[in-house]
Every structure is written in C-alpha cells, then in structure tokens.
C-alpha atoms as a PDB file:
ATOM      1  CA  MET A   1      48.020  -5.068  64.009  1.00  0.00           C
ATOM      2  CA  SER A   2      44.973  -4.593  61.682  1.00  0.00           C
ATOM      3  CA  ALA A   3      45.030  -2.195  58.777  1.00  0.00           C
ATOM      4  CA  GLN A   4      42.615   0.717  59.007  1.00  0.00           C
ATOM      5  CA  ALA A   5      40.657   1.925  55.997  1.00  0.00           C
ATOM      6  CA  THR A   6      41.433   5.389  54.775  1.00  0.00           C
ATOM      7  CA  PRO A   7      38.211   7.428  54.502  1.00  0.00           C
ATOM      8  CA  LEU A   8      37.378   8.665  51.053  1.00  0.00           C
ATOM      9  CA  ASP A   9      37.255  12.470  50.512  1.00  0.00           C
ATOM     10  CA  ARG A  10      34.179  13.997  48.911  1.00  0.00           C
ATOM     11  CA  HIS A  11      35.638  14.095  45.443  1.00  0.00           C
ATOM     12  CA  GLU A  12      36.450  10.318  45.455  1.00  0.00           C
ATOM     13  CA  GLN A  13      32.954   9.562  46.732  1.00  0.00           C
ATOM     14  CA  GLN A  14      31.407  11.381  43.882  1.00  0.00           C
ATOM     15  CA  THR A  15      33.568   9.824  41.099  1.00  0.00           C
ATOM     16  CA  ILE A  16      33.411   6.158  42.171  1.00  0.00           C
ATOM     17  CA  GLY A  17      31.093   4.169  39.841  1.00  0.00           C
ATOM     18  CA  THR A  18      30.860   6.876  37.270  1.00  0.00           C
ATOM     19  CA  ASP A  19      33.680   5.836  35.007  1.00  0.00           C
ATOM     20  CA  LYS A  20      31.178   4.048  32.612  1.00  0.00           C
ATOM     21  CA  LEU A  21      28.611   6.903  32.653  1.00  0.00           C
ATOM     22  CA  VAL A  22      28.736   8.817  29.465  1.00  0.00           C
ATOM     23  CA  VAL A  23      26.950  12.146  29.407  1.00  0.00           C
ATOM     24  CA  PRO A  24      26.065  13.186  25.754  1.00  0.00           C
ATOM     25  CA  THR A  25      27.757  16.351  24.694  1.00  0.00           C
ATOM     26  CA  GLU A  26      25.838  19.010  22.821  1.00  0.00           C
ATOM     27  CA  SER A  27      27.489  17.905  19.488  1.00  0.00           C
ATOM     28  CA  THR A  28      26.622  14.327  20.174  1.00  0.00           C
ATOM     29  CA  GLN A  29      22.991  15.029  20.809  1.00  0.00           C
ATOM     30  CA  ARG A  30      22.861  17.217  17.646  1.00  0.00           C
ATOM     31  CA  TYR A  31      24.295  14.342  15.637  1.00  0.00           C
ATOM     32  CA  ARG A  32      21.680  12.020  17.025  1.00  0.00           C
ATOM     33  CA  ASP A  33      18.947  14.473  16.214  1.00  0.00           C
ATOM     34  CA  GLU A  34      20.243  14.779  12.595  1.00  0.00           C
ATOM     35  CA  VAL A  35      20.397  11.014  12.204  1.00  0.00           C
ATOM     36  CA  SER A  36      16.787  10.788  13.494  1.00  0.00           C
ATOM     37  CA  VAL A  37      15.628  13.375  10.971  1.00  0.00           C
ATOM     38  CA  LEU A  38      17.399  11.683   8.159  1.00  0.00           C
ATOM     39  CA  LYS A  39      15.846   8.300   9.047  1.00  0.00           C
ATOM     40  CA  THR A  40      12.439   9.923   9.048  1.00  0.00           C
ATOM     41  CA  ARG A  41      13.055  11.529   5.743  1.00  0.00           C
ATOM     42  CA  ILE A  42      14.232   8.269   4.198  1.00  0.00           C
ATOM     43  CA  LEU A  43      10.986   6.569   5.323  1.00  0.00           C
ATOM     44  CA  GLU A  44       8.950   9.415   3.874  1.00  0.00           C
ATOM     45  CA  LEU A  45      10.735   9.098   0.529  1.00  0.00           C
ATOM     46  CA  GLU A  46      10.316   5.294   0.535  1.00  0.00           C
ATOM     47  CA  GLN A  47       6.535   5.729   1.110  1.00  0.00           C
ATOM     48  CA  ALA A  48       6.244   8.416  -1.439  1.00  0.00           C
ATOM     49  CA  ALA A  49       7.954   6.138  -4.048  1.00  0.00           C
ATOM     50  CA  ASP A  50       5.385   3.512  -3.361  1.00  0.00           C
ATOM     51  CA  THR A  51       2.250   5.739  -3.236  1.00  0.00           C
ATOM     52  CA  ASP A  52       0.073   7.013  -6.052  1.00  0.00           C
ATOM     53  CA  PRO A  53       0.299  10.824  -6.444  1.00  0.00           C
ATOM     54  CA  LEU A  54      -3.432  11.322  -6.575  1.00  0.00           C
ATOM     55  CA  VAL A  55      -5.233   8.435  -4.925  1.00  0.00           C
ATOM     56  CA  PRO A  56      -4.292   7.395  -1.301  1.00  0.00           C
ATOM     57  CA  VAL A  57      -3.297   3.849  -2.423  1.00  0.00           C
ATOM     58  CA  TYR A  58      -0.048   2.109  -3.600  1.00  0.00           C
ATOM     59  CA  ASN A  59       1.215   2.559  -7.093  1.00  0.00           C
ATOM     60  CA  ARG A  60       2.011   0.080  -9.899  1.00  0.00           C
ATOM     61  CA  ARG A  61       5.669  -0.289  -8.805  1.00  0.00           C
ATOM     62  CA  ALA A  62       4.692  -1.333  -5.250  1.00  0.00           C
ATOM     63  CA  PHE A  63       1.934  -3.564  -6.530  1.00  0.00           C
ATOM     64  CA  MET A  64       4.283  -5.569  -8.889  1.00  0.00           C
ATOM     65  CA  ARG A  65       6.798  -5.918  -6.084  1.00  0.00           C
ATOM     66  CA  GLU A  66       4.188  -7.358  -3.670  1.00  0.00           C
ATOM     67  CA  ILE A  67       2.947  -9.694  -6.257  1.00  0.00           C
ATOM     68  CA  GLY A  68       6.431 -11.153  -6.409  1.00  0.00           C
ATOM     69  CA  ARG A  69       6.459 -11.446  -2.631  1.00  0.00           C
ATOM     70  CA  ALA A  70       3.056 -13.244  -2.788  1.00  0.00           C
ATOM     71  CA  GLN A  71       4.588 -15.757  -5.241  1.00  0.00           C
ATOM     72  CA  THR A  72       7.441 -16.446  -2.843  1.00  0.00           C
ATOM     73  CA  LEU A  73       4.927 -17.056  -0.094  1.00  0.00           C
ATOM     74  CA  MET A  74       2.980 -19.568  -2.306  1.00  0.00           C
ATOM     75  CA  ALA A  75       6.228 -21.399  -3.274  1.00  0.00           C
ATOM     76  CA  ARG A  76       7.484 -21.604   0.310  1.00  0.00           C
ATOM     77  CA  TYR A  77       4.398 -22.202   2.432  1.00  0.00           C
ATOM     78  CA  ASP A  78       1.710 -23.228  -0.230  1.00  0.00           C
ATOM     79  CA  ILE A  79      -0.389 -20.185   0.779  1.00  0.00           C
ATOM     80  CA  LEU A  80      -2.656 -19.145  -2.168  1.00  0.00           C
ATOM     81  CA  CYS A  81      -2.724 -15.545  -3.231  1.00  0.00           C
ATOM     82  CA  SER A  82      -4.750 -13.855  -6.084  1.00  0.00           C
ATOM     83  CA  ILE A  83      -5.118 -10.499  -7.672  1.00  0.00           C
ATOM     84  CA  ILE A  84      -8.196  -8.585  -8.975  1.00  0.00           C
ATOM     85  CA  PHE A  85      -7.787  -6.193 -11.895  1.00  0.00           C
ATOM     86  CA  PHE A  86     -10.407  -3.424 -12.022  1.00  0.00           C
ATOM     87  CA  ASP A  87     -11.030  -1.061 -14.922  1.00  0.00           C
ATOM     88  CA  LEU A  88     -13.579   1.749 -14.663  1.00  0.00           C
ATOM     89  CA  ASN A  89     -16.239   1.704 -17.374  1.00  0.00           C
ATOM     90  CA  GLY A  90     -16.744   4.877 -19.376  1.00  0.00           C
ATOM     91  CA  PHE A  91     -14.203   6.897 -17.324  1.00  0.00           C
ATOM     92  CA  LYS A  92     -13.049   8.798 -20.358  1.00  0.00           C
ATOM     93  CA  VAL A  93     -16.515   9.893 -21.163  1.00  0.00           C
ATOM     94  CA  ILE A  94     -17.035  11.200 -17.582  1.00  0.00           C
ATOM     95  CA  ASN A  95     -13.773  13.138 -17.851  1.00  0.00           C
ATOM     96  CA  ASP A  96     -14.721  14.660 -21.197  1.00  0.00           C
ATOM     97  CA  ARG A  97     -18.249  15.517 -20.118  1.00  0.00           C
ATOM     98  CA  PHE A  98     -17.817  16.745 -16.519  1.00  0.00           C
ATOM     99  CA  GLY A  99     -14.093  17.695 -16.323  1.00  0.00           C
ATOM    100  CA  HIS A 100     -11.015  16.148 -14.797  1.00  0.00           C
ATOM    101  CA  ASN A 101     -11.780  17.368 -11.340  1.00  0.00           C
ATOM    102  CA  ILE A 102     -14.970  15.190 -11.160  1.00  0.00           C
ATOM    103  CA  GLY A 103     -12.853  12.364 -12.733  1.00  0.00           C
ATOM    104  CA  ASP A 104     -10.157  12.833 -10.083  1.00  0.00           C
ATOM    105  CA  ASP A 105     -12.787  12.815  -7.374  1.00  0.00           C
ATOM    106  CA  LEU A 106     -14.249   9.485  -8.621  1.00  0.00           C
ATOM    107  CA  LEU A 107     -10.780   7.986  -8.718  1.00  0.00           C
ATOM    108  CA  ILE A 108     -10.237   8.962  -5.072  1.00  0.00           C
ATOM    109  CA  LYS A 109     -13.653   7.585  -4.116  1.00  0.00           C
ATOM    110  CA  VAL A 110     -12.875   4.254  -5.765  1.00  0.00           C
ATOM    111  CA  GLY A 111      -9.430   3.996  -4.166  1.00  0.00           C
ATOM    112  CA  THR A 112     -10.714   4.798  -0.698  1.00  0.00           C
ATOM    113  CA  THR A 113     -13.703   2.511  -1.088  1.00  0.00           C
ATOM    114  CA  LEU A 114     -11.461  -0.423  -2.069  1.00  0.00           C
ATOM    115  CA  SER A 115      -8.984   0.228   0.834  1.00  0.00           C
ATOM    116  CA  ALA A 116     -11.862   0.344   3.356  1.00  0.00           C
ATOM    117  CA  SER A 117     -13.280  -2.907   2.023  1.00  0.00           C
ATOM    118  CA  VAL A 118     -10.303  -5.271   2.266  1.00  0.00           C
ATOM    119  CA  ARG A 119      -8.256  -6.754   5.023  1.00  0.00           C
ATOM    120  CA  ASP A 120      -5.210  -5.051   6.441  1.00  0.00           C
ATOM    121  CA  CYS A 121      -2.999  -7.860   4.973  1.00  0.00           C
ATOM    122  CA  ASP A 122      -4.345  -7.162   1.522  1.00  0.00           C
ATOM    123  CA  MET A 123      -3.152  -4.378  -0.754  1.00  0.00           C
ATOM    124  CA  VAL A 124      -4.884  -1.909  -3.091  1.00  0.00           C
ATOM    125  CA  ALA A 125      -3.024  -0.025  -5.787  1.00  0.00           C
ATOM    126  CA  ARG A 126      -3.754   2.235  -8.753  1.00  0.00           C
ATOM    127  CA  ILE A 127      -1.936   0.547 -11.667  1.00  0.00           C
ATOM    128  CA  GLY A 128      -3.039   2.783 -14.507  1.00  0.00           C
ATOM    129  CA  GLY A 129      -5.099   5.899 -15.284  1.00  0.00           C
ATOM    130  CA  ASP A 130      -8.491   4.271 -14.423  1.00  0.00           C
ATOM    131  CA  GLU A 131      -7.121   0.844 -13.429  1.00  0.00           C
ATOM    132  CA  PHE A 132      -6.889  -0.561  -9.905  1.00  0.00           C
ATOM    133  CA  GLY A 133      -5.374  -3.714  -8.540  1.00  0.00           C
ATOM    134  CA  VAL A 134      -6.129  -5.605  -5.349  1.00  0.00           C
ATOM    135  CA  LEU A 135      -3.781  -8.292  -3.993  1.00  0.00           C
ATOM    136  CA  LEU A 136      -5.630 -10.787  -1.737  1.00  0.00           C
ATOM    137  CA  PHE A 137      -3.483 -13.001   0.499  1.00  0.00           C
ATOM    138  CA  LYS A 138      -4.745 -16.484   1.453  1.00  0.00           C
ATOM    139  CA  SER A 139      -7.232 -16.438  -1.297  1.00  0.00           C
ATOM    140  CA  ASP A 140      -7.698 -18.713  -4.325  1.00  0.00           C
ATOM    141  CA  GLU A 141      -9.430 -17.586  -7.516  1.00  0.00           C
ATOM    142  CA  THR A 142     -12.888 -18.625  -6.338  1.00  0.00           C
ATOM    143  CA  ILE A 143     -12.513 -16.479  -3.268  1.00  0.00           C
ATOM    144  CA  ALA A 144     -11.123 -13.662  -5.401  1.00  0.00           C
ATOM    145  CA  ARG A 145     -14.002 -13.747  -7.789  1.00  0.00           C
ATOM    146  CA  ALA A 146     -16.505 -13.464  -4.972  1.00  0.00           C
ATOM    147  CA  LYS A 147     -14.565 -10.636  -3.407  1.00  0.00           C
ATOM    148  CA  ALA A 148     -14.289  -8.819  -6.840  1.00  0.00           C
ATOM    149  CA  ALA A 149     -18.055  -9.042  -7.370  1.00  0.00           C
ATOM    150  CA  SER A 150     -18.642  -7.476  -3.874  1.00  0.00           C
ATOM    151  CA  LEU A 151     -16.097  -4.753  -4.496  1.00  0.00           C
ATOM    152  CA  ALA A 152     -17.603  -3.877  -7.855  1.00  0.00           C
ATOM    153  CA  CYS A 153     -20.959  -3.377  -6.182  1.00  0.00           C
ATOM    154  CA  ARG A 154     -19.295  -1.080  -3.591  1.00  0.00           C
ATOM    155  CA  ILE A 155     -17.623   0.987  -6.363  1.00  0.00           C
ATOM    156  CA  ALA A 156     -20.936   1.273  -8.274  1.00  0.00           C
ATOM    157  CA  SER A 157     -22.681   2.603  -5.121  1.00  0.00           C
ATOM    158  CA  GLN A 158     -20.187   5.501  -4.812  1.00  0.00           C
ATOM    159  CA  TYR A 159     -20.842   8.866  -6.519  1.00  0.00           C
ATOM    160  CA  VAL A 160     -19.658  12.417  -6.705  1.00  0.00           C
ATOM    161  CA  ASP A 161     -22.182  15.229  -6.331  1.00  0.00           C
ATOM    162  CA  MET A 162     -22.109  17.841  -9.074  1.00  0.00           C
ATOM    163  CA  LEU A 163     -24.694  20.582  -8.564  1.00  0.00           C
ATOM    164  CA  GLY A 164     -27.281  18.065  -7.406  1.00  0.00           C
ATOM    165  CA  ASP A 165     -26.383  15.391  -9.925  1.00  0.00           C
ATOM    166  CA  LYS A 166     -24.858  12.249  -8.744  1.00  0.00           C
ATOM    167  CA  ILE A 167     -22.014  11.156 -10.873  1.00  0.00           C
ATOM    168  CA  SER A 168     -21.218   7.457 -10.484  1.00  0.00           C
ATOM    169  CA  ILE A 169     -19.267   4.752 -12.289  1.00  0.00           C
ATOM    170  CA  SER A 170     -19.031   0.976 -12.664  1.00  0.00           C
ATOM    171  CA  ALA A 171     -16.105  -1.321 -12.988  1.00  0.00           C
ATOM    172  CA  ALA A 172     -15.154  -4.401 -14.976  1.00  0.00           C
ATOM    173  CA  TRP A 173     -12.892  -6.870 -13.243  1.00  0.00           C
ATOM    174  CA  GLY A 174     -10.796 -10.002 -13.727  1.00  0.00           C
ATOM    175  CA  VAL A 175      -8.815 -12.244 -11.383  1.00  0.00           C
ATOM    176  CA  SER A 176      -5.702 -14.295 -11.563  1.00  0.00           C
ATOM    177  CA  ALA A 177      -3.808 -16.540  -9.042  1.00  0.00           C
ATOM    178  CA  CYS A 178      -0.214 -15.647  -8.271  1.00  0.00           C
ATOM    179  CA  HIS A 179       1.333 -18.903  -9.463  1.00  0.00           C
ATOM    180  CA  PRO A 180       5.083 -19.055  -8.548  1.00  0.00           C
ATOM    181  CA  GLY A 181       6.012 -20.377 -12.047  1.00  0.00           C
ATOM    182  CA  ASP A 182       4.670 -17.243 -13.733  1.00  0.00           C
ATOM    183  CA  THR A 183       6.255 -13.765 -14.133  1.00  0.00           C
ATOM    184  CA  VAL A 184       4.473 -10.753 -12.532  1.00  0.00           C
ATOM    185  CA  ARG A 185       3.687  -9.529 -15.933  1.00  0.00           C
ATOM    186  CA  GLN A 186       1.949 -12.802 -16.889  1.00  0.00           C
ATOM    187  CA  ILE A 187      -0.073 -12.656 -13.774  1.00  0.00           C
ATOM    188  CA  LEU A 188      -1.218  -9.114 -14.537  1.00  0.00           C
ATOM    189  CA  HIS A 189      -1.921  -9.912 -18.243  1.00  0.00           C
ATOM    190  CA  ARG A 190      -4.068 -12.887 -17.243  1.00  0.00           C
ATOM    191  CA  ALA A 191      -6.148 -10.779 -14.879  1.00  0.00           C
ATOM    192  CA  ASP A 192      -6.325  -7.962 -17.503  1.00  0.00           C
ATOM    193  CA  ARG A 193      -7.621 -10.406 -20.160  1.00  0.00           C
ATOM    194  CA  ALA A 194     -10.168 -11.691 -17.728  1.00  0.00           C
ATOM    195  CA  MET A 195     -11.317  -8.194 -17.026  1.00  0.00           C
ATOM    196  CA  TYR A 196     -11.545  -7.271 -20.712  1.00  0.00           C
ATOM    197  CA  GLU A 197     -13.867 -10.341 -21.313  1.00  0.00           C
ATOM    198  CA  SER A 198     -16.206  -8.954 -18.624  1.00  0.00           C
ATOM    199  CA  LYS A 199     -16.512  -5.525 -20.128  1.00  0.00           C
ATOM    200  CA  PRO A 200     -19.935  -4.818 -21.590  1.00  0.00           C
ATOM    201  CA  ASP A 201     -18.637  -3.224 -24.792  1.00  0.00           C
ATOM    202  CA  LYS A 202     -15.270  -5.081 -24.969  1.00  0.00           C
ATOM    203  CA  GLN A 203     -13.502  -1.710 -25.372  1.00  0.00           C
END
C-alpha cells in the first residue's frame, strides 16, 4: 500500500522556506543608520584633515604624504614623479596695500587655477602662506619645468577686481624629482631652492 502525503495547513505553507529570512527590527535598522552616519562623519573628518582651511586644495600634511607615495611608485615601478614649488611674488605688499580680503581672494584664485590646470591624477596643495605645491605623476623634471612655466602664465593671467582695478600677481617656481633615496623634506628643499633662484629679487 502506498503512503499518502499529508496536506500542509496554511500556517505551514507560509513558514516553509522562511527560516533563513531575517527581517531587520527597528533597533537593528537604527544601529545601521548610526553606523552609516559615523562612517560619513569619519570620511568628512579625514577630508578636512587633508584640506587647506582657506583654499580648496590639499594642505602641506597631505602633500608630504603623497610625495612619499610617489617615491614608492618610483621605487617599485620606475615611474617618474616630480613636484613644482610655487611662491607668489610680492604677496605681502598686496596684503599690506589692499588688505587681507584681497590677498585671500588671490590665494583662492591661484589654488583654483592650479587645480583646473592639472590632471586628475596630479595633486595641488597650499604648503605655506603664499606657497603652493603641485605633484606631477609620470613626469620627469623636464616635463615638470614645462608644466611649471605654463602654470605660472596662468597664475599671472588671474586677477581680483577692486573698484575697477585689476589686482594680479606672478609666481616664482622650482622643480624637483621625487627620488626614492631622498627624504620628503629634501625633495621639498631642493624645489624650494630652485624656486628661490628664479625669483627676480631673490627675497
């Protein structure tokens, strides 16, 4: 005699296959929301720690860290990287004559101009009061010098309008390759010295 299957009642039909289905409770969802908010806040803090407080570019801390990474890239894959060191000529005179608001506007102009004029893989940072750095990936010193001259022309073409007067500024620059055997400070110092030599008044 063959066995007959016993029909399932409605409750059993509804529960079969649902033993692995986990429906988030209100407390679980609240926990996930809080974790998401915390992750977003941590990301914002990390970005703030790497960003200049005035100019929308990276700061010195982030720039020095990325130079170290560029050195690692050169050591492992023989990919040349270089930096450009910019110093604005006569910035103190502009601040003293026209006020810090005009000076701040010029700094922002310079930062945004540099950022808009390099590749996405490159990096722009404000590394001092009127000093900017550009990290160029896959670029030797010859390429960096050509790029620096082009960027300096772009900086000089920018201006801030003050009651009809166009307040502009120029920049001296120097370059240095990111040799793996050097310290980050040595690389910055070499570019700084090259920049100083290009200054019209050597001051």
